[in-house]
Amino acid sequence: MSESNTRSLAKAVSYRVLGSTGTVLVFFILSGNITLSLGAGAIDSLLKIALYFLHERMWNYIPYGRPKPPEYQI
């Protein structure tokens, strides 16, 4: 069963909120500049949401790890 576009997008956004928070913290520790850190976090978030969404969509076409449907049904 494949996932809907909406579910893939929701997963991408929730994952990136978590990941971009880490990016902002690391950037702030290294730069000491909160504006620069938030900007880097925003760019990181948008780019990686798009990449994750595309990744999820591509995996819908790859049967690896999915159970095979029965050859026939009664």
PDB file of N, CA and C in Angstrom:
ATOM      1  N   MET A   1       0.852  -1.179   0.000  1.00  0.00           N
ATOM      2  CA  MET A   1       0.000   0.000   0.000  1.00  0.00           C
ATOM      3  C   MET A   1       0.893   1.236   0.000  1.00  0.00           C
ATOM      4  N   SER A   2       0.620   2.170  -0.871  1.00  0.00           N
ATOM      5  CA  SER A   2       1.423   3.386  -0.922  1.00  0.00           C
ATOM      6  C   SER A   2       0.783   4.459  -0.041  1.00  0.00           C
ATOM      7  N   GLU A   3       1.595   5.438   0.309  1.00  0.00           N
ATOM      8  CA  GLU A   3       1.109   6.527   1.144  1.00  0.00           C
ATOM      9  C   GLU A   3       0.573   7.655   0.267  1.00  0.00           C
ATOM     10  N   SER A   4      -0.305   8.442   0.845  1.00  0.00           N
ATOM     11  CA  SER A   4      -0.842   9.589   0.107  1.00  0.00           C
ATOM     12  C   SER A   4       0.196  10.710   0.075  1.00  0.00           C
ATOM     13  N   ASN A   5       0.025  11.607  -0.876  1.00  0.00           N
ATOM     14  CA  ASN A   5       0.901  12.778  -0.943  1.00  0.00           C
ATOM     15  C   ASN A   5       0.818  13.597   0.339  1.00  0.00           C
ATOM     16  N   THR A   6      -0.381  13.726   0.885  1.00  0.00           N
ATOM     17  CA  THR A   6      -0.578  14.519   2.097  1.00  0.00           C
ATOM     18  C   THR A   6       0.180  13.921   3.276  1.00  0.00           C
ATOM     19  N   ARG A   7       0.124  12.592   3.424  1.00  0.00           N
ATOM     20  CA  ARG A   7       0.834  11.936   4.519  1.00  0.00           C
ATOM     21  C   ARG A   7       2.347  12.095   4.343  1.00  0.00           C
ATOM     22  N   SER A   8       2.853  11.921   3.125  1.00  0.00           N
ATOM     23  CA  SER A   8       4.280  12.097   2.877  1.00  0.00           C
ATOM     24  C   SER A   8       4.717  13.523   3.208  1.00  0.00           C
ATOM     25  N   LEU A   9       3.910  14.506   2.843  1.00  0.00           N
ATOM     26  CA  LEU A   9       4.238  15.894   3.130  1.00  0.00           C
ATOM     27  C   LEU A   9       4.204  16.170   4.638  1.00  0.00           C
ATOM     28  N   ALA A  10       3.210  15.649   5.343  1.00  0.00           N
ATOM     29  CA  ALA A  10       3.128  15.832   6.794  1.00  0.00           C
ATOM     30  C   ALA A  10       4.344  15.223   7.496  1.00  0.00           C
ATOM     31  N   LYS A  11       4.768  14.044   7.058  1.00  0.00           N
ATOM     32  CA  LYS A  11       5.953  13.412   7.630  1.00  0.00           C
ATOM     33  C   LYS A  11       7.199  14.238   7.348  1.00  0.00           C
ATOM     34  N   ALA A  12       7.300  14.767   6.143  1.00  0.00           N
ATOM     35  CA  ALA A  12       8.460  15.584   5.776  1.00  0.00           C
ATOM     36  C   ALA A  12       8.530  16.841   6.637  1.00  0.00           C
ATOM     37  N   VAL A  13       7.401  17.503   6.825  1.00  0.00           N
ATOM     38  CA  VAL A  13       7.376  18.741   7.600  1.00  0.00           C
ATOM     39  C   VAL A  13       7.713  18.463   9.064  1.00  0.00           C
ATOM     40  N   SER A  14       7.099  17.460   9.666  1.00  0.00           N
ATOM     41  CA  SER A  14       7.359  17.182  11.083  1.00  0.00           C
ATOM     42  C   SER A  14       8.808  16.773  11.318  1.00  0.00           C
ATOM     43  N   TYR A  15       9.371  16.005  10.410  1.00  0.00           N
ATOM     44  CA  TYR A  15      10.763  15.599  10.537  1.00  0.00           C
ATOM     45  C   TYR A  15      11.691  16.809  10.405  1.00  0.00           C
ATOM     46  N   ARG A  16      11.375  17.704   9.478  1.00  0.00           N
ATOM     47  CA  ARG A  16      12.240  18.860   9.258  1.00  0.00           C
ATOM     48  C   ARG A  16      12.154  19.875  10.379  1.00  0.00           C
ATOM     49  N   VAL A  17      11.020  20.005  11.027  1.00  0.00           N
ATOM     50  CA  VAL A  17      10.944  20.905  12.183  1.00  0.00           C
ATOM     51  C   VAL A  17      11.959  20.444  13.229  1.00  0.00           C
ATOM     52  N   LEU A  18      11.986  19.167  13.477  1.00  0.00           N
ATOM     53  CA  LEU A  18      12.936  18.609  14.426  1.00  0.00           C
ATOM     54  C   LEU A  18      14.371  18.796  13.933  1.00  0.00           C
ATOM     55  N   GLY A  19      14.646  18.439  12.693  1.00  0.00           N
ATOM     56  CA  GLY A  19      15.992  18.544  12.149  1.00  0.00           C
ATOM     57  C   GLY A  19      16.490  19.975  12.043  1.00  0.00           C
ATOM     58  N   SER A  20      15.625  20.877  11.642  1.00  0.00           N
ATOM     59  CA  SER A  20      16.044  22.268  11.494  1.00  0.00           C
ATOM     60  C   SER A  20      16.276  22.953  12.833  1.00  0.00           C
ATOM     61  N   THR A  21      15.596  22.496  13.855  1.00  0.00           N
ATOM     62  CA  THR A  21      15.879  23.004  15.198  1.00  0.00           C
ATOM     63  C   THR A  21      17.326  22.701  15.573  1.00  0.00           C
ATOM     64  N   GLY A  22      17.767  21.498  15.250  1.00  0.00           N
ATOM     65  CA  GLY A  22      19.165  21.140  15.482  1.00  0.00           C
ATOM     66  C   GLY A  22      20.116  21.991  14.665  1.00  0.00           C
ATOM     67  N   THR A  23      19.769  22.257  13.414  1.00  0.00           N
ATOM     68  CA  THR A  23      20.604  23.098  12.550  1.00  0.00           C
ATOM     69  C   THR A  23      20.731  24.513  13.119  1.00  0.00           C
ATOM     70  N   VAL A  24      19.620  25.080  13.562  1.00  0.00           N
ATOM     71  CA  VAL A  24      19.633  26.426  14.139  1.00  0.00           C
ATOM     72  C   VAL A  24      20.524  26.458  15.374  1.00  0.00           C
ATOM     73  N   LEU A  25      20.402  25.456  16.242  1.00  0.00           N
ATOM     74  CA  LEU A  25      21.217  25.427  17.457  1.00  0.00           C
ATOM     75  C   LEU A  25      22.706  25.320  17.141  1.00  0.00           C
ATOM     76  N   VAL A  26      23.063  24.441  16.230  1.00  0.00           N
ATOM     77  CA  VAL A  26      24.477  24.288  15.863  1.00  0.00           C
ATOM     78  C   VAL A  26      24.994  25.572  15.231  1.00  0.00           C
ATOM     79  N   PHE A  27      24.223  26.146  14.323  1.00  0.00           N
ATOM     80  CA  PHE A  27      24.636  27.375  13.650  1.00  0.00           C
ATOM     81  C   PHE A  27      24.808  28.508  14.659  1.00  0.00           C
ATOM     82  N   PHE A  28      23.902  28.582  15.643  1.00  0.00           N
ATOM     83  CA  PHE A  28      24.000  29.635  16.659  1.00  0.00           C
ATOM     84  C   PHE A  28      25.228  29.435  17.542  1.00  0.00           C
ATOM     85  N   ILE A  29      25.498  28.196  17.912  1.00  0.00           N
ATOM     86  CA  ILE A  29      26.688  27.921  18.726  1.00  0.00           C
ATOM     87  C   ILE A  29      27.952  28.327  17.979  1.00  0.00           C
ATOM     88  N   LEU A  30      28.000  28.047  16.682  1.00  0.00           N
ATOM     89  CA  LEU A  30      29.187  28.370  15.896  1.00  0.00           C
ATOM     90  C   LEU A  30      29.302  29.844  15.538  1.00  0.00           C
ATOM     91  N   SER A  31      28.175  30.518  15.286  1.00  0.00           N
ATOM     92  CA  SER A  31      28.231  31.898  14.807  1.00  0.00           C
ATOM     93  C   SER A  31      27.900  32.928  15.883  1.00  0.00           C
ATOM     94  N   GLY A  32      27.071  32.571  16.843  1.00  0.00           N
ATOM     95  CA  GLY A  32      26.617  33.532  17.845  1.00  0.00           C
ATOM     96  C   GLY A  32      25.615  34.541  17.296  1.00  0.00           C
ATOM     97  N   ASN A  33      25.152  34.330  16.066  1.00  0.00           N
ATOM     98  CA  ASN A  33      24.250  35.266  15.406  1.00  0.00           C
ATOM     99  C   ASN A  33      22.890  34.583  15.212  1.00  0.00           C
ATOM    100  N   ILE A  34      21.886  35.026  15.975  1.00  0.00           N
ATOM    101  CA  ILE A  34      20.570  34.368  15.934  1.00  0.00           C
ATOM    102  C   ILE A  34      19.863  34.598  14.594  1.00  0.00           C
ATOM    103  N   THR A  35      20.024  35.783  14.000  1.00  0.00           N
ATOM    104  CA  THR A  35      19.379  36.058  12.712  1.00  0.00           C
ATOM    105  C   THR A  35      19.932  35.144  11.626  1.00  0.00           C
ATOM    106  N   LEU A  36      21.238  35.032  11.572  1.00  0.00           N
ATOM    107  CA  LEU A  36      21.885  34.147  10.612  1.00  0.00           C
ATOM    108  C   LEU A  36      21.482  32.695  10.862  1.00  0.00           C
ATOM    109  N   SER A  37      21.402  32.314  12.118  1.00  0.00           N
ATOM    110  CA  SER A  37      21.040  30.942  12.481  1.00  0.00           C
ATOM    111  C   SER A  37      19.615  30.603  12.055  1.00  0.00           C
ATOM    112  N   LEU A  38      18.684  31.526  12.292  1.00  0.00           N
ATOM    113  CA  LEU A  38      17.291  31.291  11.895  1.00  0.00           C
ATOM    114  C   LEU A  38      17.156  31.248  10.372  1.00  0.00           C
ATOM    115  N   GLY A  39      17.894  32.091   9.672  1.00  0.00           N
ATOM    116  CA  GLY A  39      17.883  32.070   8.206  1.00  0.00           C
ATOM    117  C   GLY A  39      18.408  30.750   7.666  1.00  0.00           C
ATOM    118  N   ALA A  40      19.509  30.279   8.241  1.00  0.00           N
ATOM    119  CA  ALA A  40      20.063  28.990   7.817  1.00  0.00           C
ATOM    120  C   ALA A  40      19.073  27.864   8.114  1.00  0.00           C
ATOM    121  N   GLY A  41      18.405  27.935   9.257  1.00  0.00           N
ATOM    122  CA  GLY A  41      17.410  26.920   9.606  1.00  0.00           C
ATOM    123  C   GLY A  41      16.232  26.919   8.648  1.00  0.00           C
ATOM    124  N   ALA A  42      15.797  28.114   8.228  1.00  0.00           N
ATOM    125  CA  ALA A  42      14.670  28.217   7.295  1.00  0.00           C
ATOM    126  C   ALA A  42      15.036  27.650   5.924  1.00  0.00           C
ATOM    127  N   ILE A  43      16.206  28.008   5.421  1.00  0.00           N
ATOM    128  CA  ILE A  43      16.649  27.486   4.122  1.00  0.00           C
ATOM    129  C   ILE A  43      16.819  25.969   4.192  1.00  0.00           C
ATOM    130  N   ASP A  44      17.447  25.512   5.267  1.00  0.00           N
ATOM    131  CA  ASP A  44      17.647  24.073   5.479  1.00  0.00           C
ATOM    132  C   ASP A  44      16.308  23.342   5.487  1.00  0.00           C
ATOM    133  N   SER A  45      15.344  23.911   6.175  1.00  0.00           N
ATOM    134  CA  SER A  45      14.033  23.276   6.309  1.00  0.00           C
ATOM    135  C   SER A  45      13.315  23.170   4.968  1.00  0.00           C
ATOM    136  N   LEU A  46      13.252  24.254   4.229  1.00  0.00           N
ATOM    137  CA  LEU A  46      12.546  24.240   2.941  1.00  0.00           C
ATOM    138  C   LEU A  46      13.198  23.286   1.944  1.00  0.00           C
ATOM    139  N   LEU A  47      14.500  23.335   1.852  1.00  0.00           N
ATOM    140  CA  LEU A  47      15.212  22.464   0.929  1.00  0.00           C
ATOM    141  C   LEU A  47      15.012  20.995   1.280  1.00  0.00           C
ATOM    142  N   LYS A  48      15.139  20.671   2.544  1.00  0.00           N
ATOM    143  CA  LYS A  48      15.069  19.269   2.940  1.00  0.00           C
ATOM    144  C   LYS A  48      13.646  18.720   2.958  1.00  0.00           C
ATOM    145  N   ILE A  49      12.647  19.581   3.156  1.00  0.00           N
ATOM    146  CA  ILE A  49      11.259  19.125   3.015  1.00  0.00           C
ATOM    147  C   ILE A  49      11.029  18.674   1.579  1.00  0.00           C
ATOM    148  N   ALA A  50      11.482  19.483   0.638  1.00  0.00           N
ATOM    149  CA  ALA A  50      11.304  19.139  -0.778  1.00  0.00           C
ATOM    150  C   ALA A  50      12.049  17.845  -1.121  1.00  0.00           C
ATOM    151  N   LEU A  51      13.279  17.716  -0.656  1.00  0.00           N
ATOM    152  CA  LEU A  51      14.058  16.510  -0.946  1.00  0.00           C
ATOM    153  C   LEU A  51      13.440  15.267  -0.307  1.00  0.00           C
ATOM    154  N   TYR A  52      12.967  15.388   0.927  1.00  0.00           N
ATOM    155  CA  TYR A  52      12.353  14.246   1.607  1.00  0.00           C
ATOM    156  C   TYR A  52      11.058  13.827   0.902  1.00  0.00           C
ATOM    157  N   PHE A  53      10.265  14.806   0.509  1.00  0.00           N
ATOM    158  CA  PHE A  53       9.015  14.517  -0.195  1.00  0.00           C
ATOM    159  C   PHE A  53       9.299  13.747  -1.486  1.00  0.00           C
ATOM    160  N   LEU A  54      10.272  14.215  -2.264  1.00  0.00           N
ATOM    161  CA  LEU A  54      10.643  13.517  -3.495  1.00  0.00           C
ATOM    162  C   LEU A  54      11.154  12.104  -3.199  1.00  0.00           C
ATOM    163  N   HIS A  55      11.926  11.965  -2.150  1.00  0.00           N
ATOM    164  CA  HIS A  55      12.442  10.663  -1.734  1.00  0.00           C
ATOM    165  C   HIS A  55      11.291   9.701  -1.406  1.00  0.00           C
ATOM    166  N   GLU A  56      10.323  10.180  -0.637  1.00  0.00           N
ATOM    167  CA  GLU A  56       9.159   9.354  -0.288  1.00  0.00           C
ATOM    168  C   GLU A  56       8.380   8.938  -1.536  1.00  0.00           C
ATOM    169  N   ARG A  57       8.168   9.867  -2.451  1.00  0.00           N
ATOM    170  CA  ARG A  57       7.426   9.575  -3.671  1.00  0.00           C
ATOM    171  C   ARG A  57       8.155   8.538  -4.517  1.00  0.00           C
ATOM    172  N   MET A  58       9.462   8.645  -4.625  1.00  0.00           N
ATOM    173  CA  MET A  58      10.230   7.675  -5.410  1.00  0.00           C
ATOM    174  C   MET A  58      10.134   6.280  -4.799  1.00  0.00           C
ATOM    175  N   TRP A  59      10.169   6.199  -3.480  1.00  0.00           N
ATOM    176  CA  TRP A  59      10.106   4.893  -2.825  1.00  0.00           C
ATOM    177  C   TRP A  59       8.756   4.208  -3.018  1.00  0.00           C
ATOM    178  N   ASN A  60       7.719   4.940  -3.371  1.00  0.00           N
ATOM    179  CA  ASN A  60       6.431   4.299  -3.665  1.00  0.00           C
ATOM    180  C   ASN A  60       6.511   3.416  -4.904  1.00  0.00           C
ATOM    181  N   TYR A  61       7.500   3.642  -5.755  1.00  0.00           N
ATOM    182  CA  TYR A  61       7.669   2.851  -6.979  1.00  0.00           C
ATOM    183  C   TYR A  61       8.671   1.709  -6.812  1.00  0.00           C
ATOM    184  N   ILE A  62       9.249   1.582  -5.638  1.00  0.00           N
ATOM    185  CA  ILE A  62      10.250   0.546  -5.392  1.00  0.00           C
ATOM    186  C   ILE A  62       9.613  -0.546  -4.530  1.00  0.00           C
ATOM    187  N   PRO A  63       9.519  -1.769  -5.032  1.00  0.00           N
ATOM    188  CA  PRO A  63       8.845  -2.824  -4.285  1.00  0.00           C
ATOM    189  C   PRO A  63       9.689  -3.427  -3.156  1.00  0.00           C
ATOM    190  N   TYR A  64      10.945  -3.056  -3.050  1.00  0.00           N
ATOM    191  CA  TYR A  64      11.841  -3.636  -2.049  1.00  0.00           C
ATOM    192  C   TYR A  64      11.230  -3.580  -0.644  1.00  0.00           C
ATOM    193  N   GLY A  65      11.182  -4.732   0.027  1.00  0.00           N
ATOM    194  CA  GLY A  65      10.712  -4.804   1.403  1.00  0.00           C
ATOM    195  C   GLY A  65       9.211  -4.866   1.587  1.00  0.00           C
ATOM    196  N   ARG A  66       8.466  -4.806   0.525  1.00  0.00           N
ATOM    197  CA  ARG A  66       7.007  -4.904   0.624  1.00  0.00           C
ATOM    198  C   ARG A  66       6.590  -6.351   0.422  1.00  0.00           C
ATOM    199  N   PRO A  67       5.553  -6.786   1.132  1.00  0.00           N
ATOM    200  CA  PRO A  67       5.075  -8.146   0.903  1.00  0.00           C
ATOM    201  C   PRO A  67       4.497  -8.264  -0.507  1.00  0.00           C
ATOM    202  N   LYS A  68       4.693  -9.424  -1.103  1.00  0.00           N
ATOM    203  CA  LYS A  68       4.168  -9.645  -2.437  1.00  0.00           C
ATOM    204  C   LYS A  68       2.682  -9.983  -2.339  1.00  0.00           C
ATOM    205  N   PRO A  69       1.889  -9.449  -3.257  1.00  0.00           N
ATOM    206  CA  PRO A  69       0.460  -9.785  -3.232  1.00  0.00           C
ATOM    207  C   PRO A  69       0.287 -11.254  -3.617  1.00  0.00           C
ATOM    208  N   PRO A  70      -0.771 -11.893  -3.145  1.00  0.00           N
ATOM    209  CA  PRO A  70      -0.997 -13.279  -3.512  1.00  0.00           C
ATOM    210  C   PRO A  70      -1.189 -13.424  -5.011  1.00  0.00           C
ATOM    211  N   GLU A  71      -0.805 -14.579  -5.533  1.00  0.00           N
ATOM    212  CA  GLU A  71      -0.945 -14.829  -6.982  1.00  0.00           C
ATOM    213  C   GLU A  71      -2.413 -14.933  -7.398  1.00  0.00           C
ATOM    214  N   TYR A  72      -3.240 -15.334  -6.461  1.00  0.00           N
ATOM    215  CA  TYR A  72      -4.666 -15.422  -6.767  1.00  0.00           C
ATOM    216  C   TYR A  72      -5.434 -15.222  -5.458  1.00  0.00           C
ATOM    217  N   GLN A  73      -6.688 -14.871  -5.584  1.00  0.00           N
ATOM    218  CA  GLN A  73      -7.575 -14.731  -4.433  1.00  0.00           C
ATOM    219  C   GLN A  73      -8.828 -15.546  -4.662  1.00  0.00           C
ATOM    220  N   ILE A  74      -9.371 -16.035  -3.572  1.00  0.00           N
ATOM    221  CA  ILE A  74     -10.593 -16.846  -3.668  1.00  0.00           C
ATOM    222  C   ILE A  74     -11.786 -15.963  -3.390  1.00  0.00           C
TER     223      ILE A  74
END
